[in-house]
Protein backbone atom coordinates (compact mmCIF):
# COMPACT_ATOMS: atom_id res chain seq x y z
CA MET A 1 -17.28 56.29 14.04
CA SER A 2 -16.23 56.56 10.41
CA ILE A 3 -14.78 54.05 8.00
CA ASP A 4 -11.33 54.86 6.71
CA ILE A 5 -11.27 53.91 3.02
CA THR A 6 -7.46 53.64 2.74
CA THR A 7 -7.26 51.33 5.76
CA SER A 8 -10.06 49.20 4.32
CA ILE A 9 -8.33 49.00 0.94
CA TRP A 10 -4.98 48.06 2.54
CA THR A 11 -6.74 45.45 4.66
CA ILE A 12 -8.31 43.90 1.56
CA ILE A 13 -4.97 43.99 -0.29
CA ASN A 14 -3.19 42.37 2.67
CA PHE A 15 -5.86 39.69 2.89
CA LEU A 16 -5.63 38.91 -0.83
CA LEU A 17 -1.83 38.84 -0.62
CA LEU A 18 -2.07 36.44 2.34
CA CYS A 19 -4.44 34.20 0.35
CA VAL A 20 -2.03 34.10 -2.62
CA LEU A 21 0.96 33.38 -0.38
CA LEU A 22 -0.87 30.58 1.43
CA LYS A 23 -1.89 29.05 -1.87
CA VAL A 24 1.64 29.15 -3.28
CA LEU A 25 3.60 28.25 -0.16
CA LEU A 26 1.26 25.90 1.69
CA TYR A 27 -1.63 24.51 -0.31
CA LYS A 28 0.21 23.72 -3.56
CA PRO A 29 3.13 21.76 -1.94
CA ILE A 30 0.73 19.81 0.27
CA VAL A 31 -1.48 18.91 -2.69
CA GLU A 32 1.57 17.80 -4.70
CA PHE A 33 2.81 15.70 -1.76
CA MET A 34 -0.59 14.09 -1.30
CA ASP A 35 -0.89 13.38 -5.05
CA LYS A 36 2.51 11.64 -5.02
CA ARG A 37 1.49 9.67 -1.94
CA ASP A 38 -1.82 8.68 -3.55
CA ALA A 39 0.07 7.52 -6.65
CA LYS A 40 2.36 5.34 -4.52
CA ILE A 41 -0.61 3.86 -2.69
CA ALA A 42 -2.41 3.21 -5.98
CA LYS A 43 0.73 1.53 -7.30
CA GLY A 44 0.80 -0.68 -4.20
CA PHE A 45 -2.83 -1.66 -4.74
CA GLU A 46 -2.05 -2.39 -8.39
CA GLU A 47 0.84 -4.62 -7.36
CA GLU A 48 -1.45 -6.37 -4.88
CA LYS A 49 -4.00 -6.89 -7.67
CA ASP A 50 -1.27 -8.34 -9.90
CA ALA A 51 -0.21 -10.71 -7.12
CA LYS A 52 -3.82 -11.85 -6.69
CA GLU A 53 -4.12 -12.40 -10.45
CA LYS A 54 -0.94 -14.48 -10.36
CA LEU A 55 -2.42 -16.46 -7.49
CA GLU A 56 -5.62 -17.09 -9.45
CA ALA A 57 -3.57 -18.15 -12.50
CA ALA A 58 -1.57 -20.51 -10.30
CA GLU A 59 -4.80 -21.94 -8.90
CA GLY A 60 -6.04 -22.43 -12.49
CA ARG A 61 -2.84 -24.27 -13.37
CA MET A 62 -3.21 -26.24 -10.16
CA ASN A 63 -6.76 -27.19 -11.11
CA GLU A 64 -5.54 -28.32 -14.53
CA LYS A 65 -2.89 -30.43 -12.82
CA PHE A 66 -5.59 -31.90 -10.58
CA LYS A 67 -7.69 -32.85 -13.61
CA THR A 68 -4.73 -34.39 -15.40
CA ALA A 69 -3.64 -36.28 -12.31
CA ALA A 70 -7.17 -37.61 -11.76
CA GLU A 71 -7.46 -38.85 -15.37
CA GLU A 72 -4.08 -40.52 -15.24
CA ALA A 73 -4.93 -42.07 -11.91
CA SER A 74 -8.20 -43.56 -13.18
CA VAL A 75 -6.40 -45.23 -16.11
CA ILE A 76 -3.69 -46.57 -13.82
CA VAL A 77 -6.28 -47.80 -11.29
CA ARG A 78 -8.00 -49.84 -13.98
CA GLU A 79 -4.71 -51.58 -14.84
CA SER A 80 -3.54 -52.29 -11.34
CA LYS A 81 -5.44 -51.09 -8.27
CA GLN A 82 -2.81 -51.95 -5.72
CA LYS A 83 0.15 -50.36 -7.56
CA ASP A 84 -1.77 -47.38 -8.81
CA ARG A 85 -3.31 -46.43 -5.48
CA ALA A 86 0.11 -45.50 -4.09
CA GLU A 87 0.98 -43.43 -7.19
CA TYR A 88 -2.36 -41.63 -7.08
CA ASP A 89 -1.88 -40.69 -3.42
CA ALA A 90 1.65 -39.44 -4.15
CA GLN A 91 0.45 -37.26 -7.01
CA ILE A 92 -2.37 -35.75 -4.97
CA LYS A 93 -0.01 -35.03 -2.09
CA GLU A 94 2.50 -33.37 -4.41
CA ALA A 95 -0.22 -31.25 -6.04
CA HIS A 96 -1.47 -30.14 -2.62
CA GLU A 97 2.05 -29.29 -1.49
CA GLN A 98 2.67 -27.27 -4.66
CA SER A 99 -0.62 -25.43 -4.34
CA SER A 100 -0.01 -24.79 -0.66
CA GLU A 101 3.45 -23.42 -1.43
CA ILE A 102 2.11 -21.21 -4.23
CA ILE A 103 -0.68 -19.88 -2.01
CA ARG A 104 1.71 -19.33 0.91
CA GLN A 105 4.22 -17.51 -1.32
CA ALA A 106 1.51 -15.28 -2.80
CA GLY A 107 0.24 -14.49 0.72
CA ASP A 108 3.78 -13.68 1.84
CA ASP A 109 4.29 -11.41 -1.17
CA ILE A 110 1.07 -9.56 -0.40
CA LYS A 111 2.01 -9.13 3.27
CA ILE A 112 5.50 -7.89 2.37
CA GLU A 113 4.05 -5.35 -0.07
CA GLU A 114 1.48 -4.15 2.47
CA GLU A 115 4.19 -3.75 5.11
CA ARG A 116 6.44 -1.90 2.66
CA GLN A 117 3.66 0.50 1.73
CA THR A 118 2.80 1.05 5.41
CA GLU A 119 6.44 1.73 6.23
CA GLU A 120 6.69 4.20 3.34
CA VAL A 121 3.67 6.13 4.58
CA ASN A 122 4.96 6.08 8.18
CA GLU A 123 8.38 7.33 7.04
CA GLN A 124 6.83 10.28 5.21
CA LEU A 125 4.39 11.23 7.97
CA PRO A 126 6.89 12.94 10.37
CA GLU A 127 8.26 15.07 7.54
CA LEU A 128 4.76 16.16 6.52
CA VAL A 129 3.84 16.96 10.13
CA CYS A 130 6.96 19.11 10.51
CA ILE A 131 6.26 20.94 7.23
CA LEU A 132 2.70 21.65 8.35
CA ALA A 133 3.92 22.80 11.76
CA GLU A 134 6.38 25.18 10.09
CA LYS A 135 3.64 26.65 7.95
CA VAL A 136 1.18 27.00 10.82
CA LEU A 137 3.65 28.29 13.42
CA GLY A 138 5.70 30.36 11.02
CA THR A 139 8.93 29.12 12.58
CA SER A 140 11.44 26.48 11.63
CA VAL A 141 10.52 23.00 12.86
CA PRO A 142 13.53 20.76 12.11
CA VAL A 143 12.48 17.30 11.03
CA SER A 144 15.57 15.61 12.50
CA GLU A 145 14.90 16.98 15.98
CA ASN A 146 11.17 16.23 16.02
CA VAL A 147 10.90 12.87 14.27
CA ASP A 148 10.92 10.97 17.56
CA ILE A 149 8.21 13.20 19.04
CA VAL A 150 5.99 12.79 15.97
CA LYS A 151 6.54 9.02 15.87
CA ALA A 152 5.73 8.76 19.59
CA GLN A 153 2.48 10.69 19.10
CA ILE A 154 1.56 8.54 16.10
CA SER A 155 2.25 5.38 18.14
CA GLU A 156 0.19 6.72 21.05
CA ASN A 157 -2.77 7.55 18.83
CA ALA A 158 -2.57 4.35 16.82
C-alpha cells in the first residue's frame, strides 16, 4: 500500500481546478443575481418608506386643516350658533373625507408596491431554480419547460 505522488498531485490539481470553475461559473453569477435582487427589494422598501413619509406629511397637513377649521368655527359660532353649527359640521366632514381618502390612497399605493415586488421575486424564482438545477445536475434544464413545475412546487410549499 503505497501512495502514488503523481496521482496525488493530479488529484489536487483537479480539485483546485474544480474549485476555480465552481467559483467562476456558479458562485459568482448567483452572488450577482442575489445582489441585484437585494437592490430591487431595498428599492421597494425605500419606495414604501417614501409613501409612508408622504402619508405622514398629508396627516400633518390634515392636522393643520383641522386646527384652521376649528378656529374658524369658533369665531363663526360666536356670531351665530345656529348658522355656524351647520358649517362647522360640513367642514369637519369634508376634512375627515379628505383624510380618509389620503390614507386609503396611501394604503393602496403601499399594497400595490408590495404586490409588485412580490410578483417580481416570484417571476425570477423559476429562472434561478432552473439555473441552479443546471449547475448541480450538469445538464440543460430549460426554463420554459420547467416553469410550471417550479411554480407548482412553490405554491405547494407556500
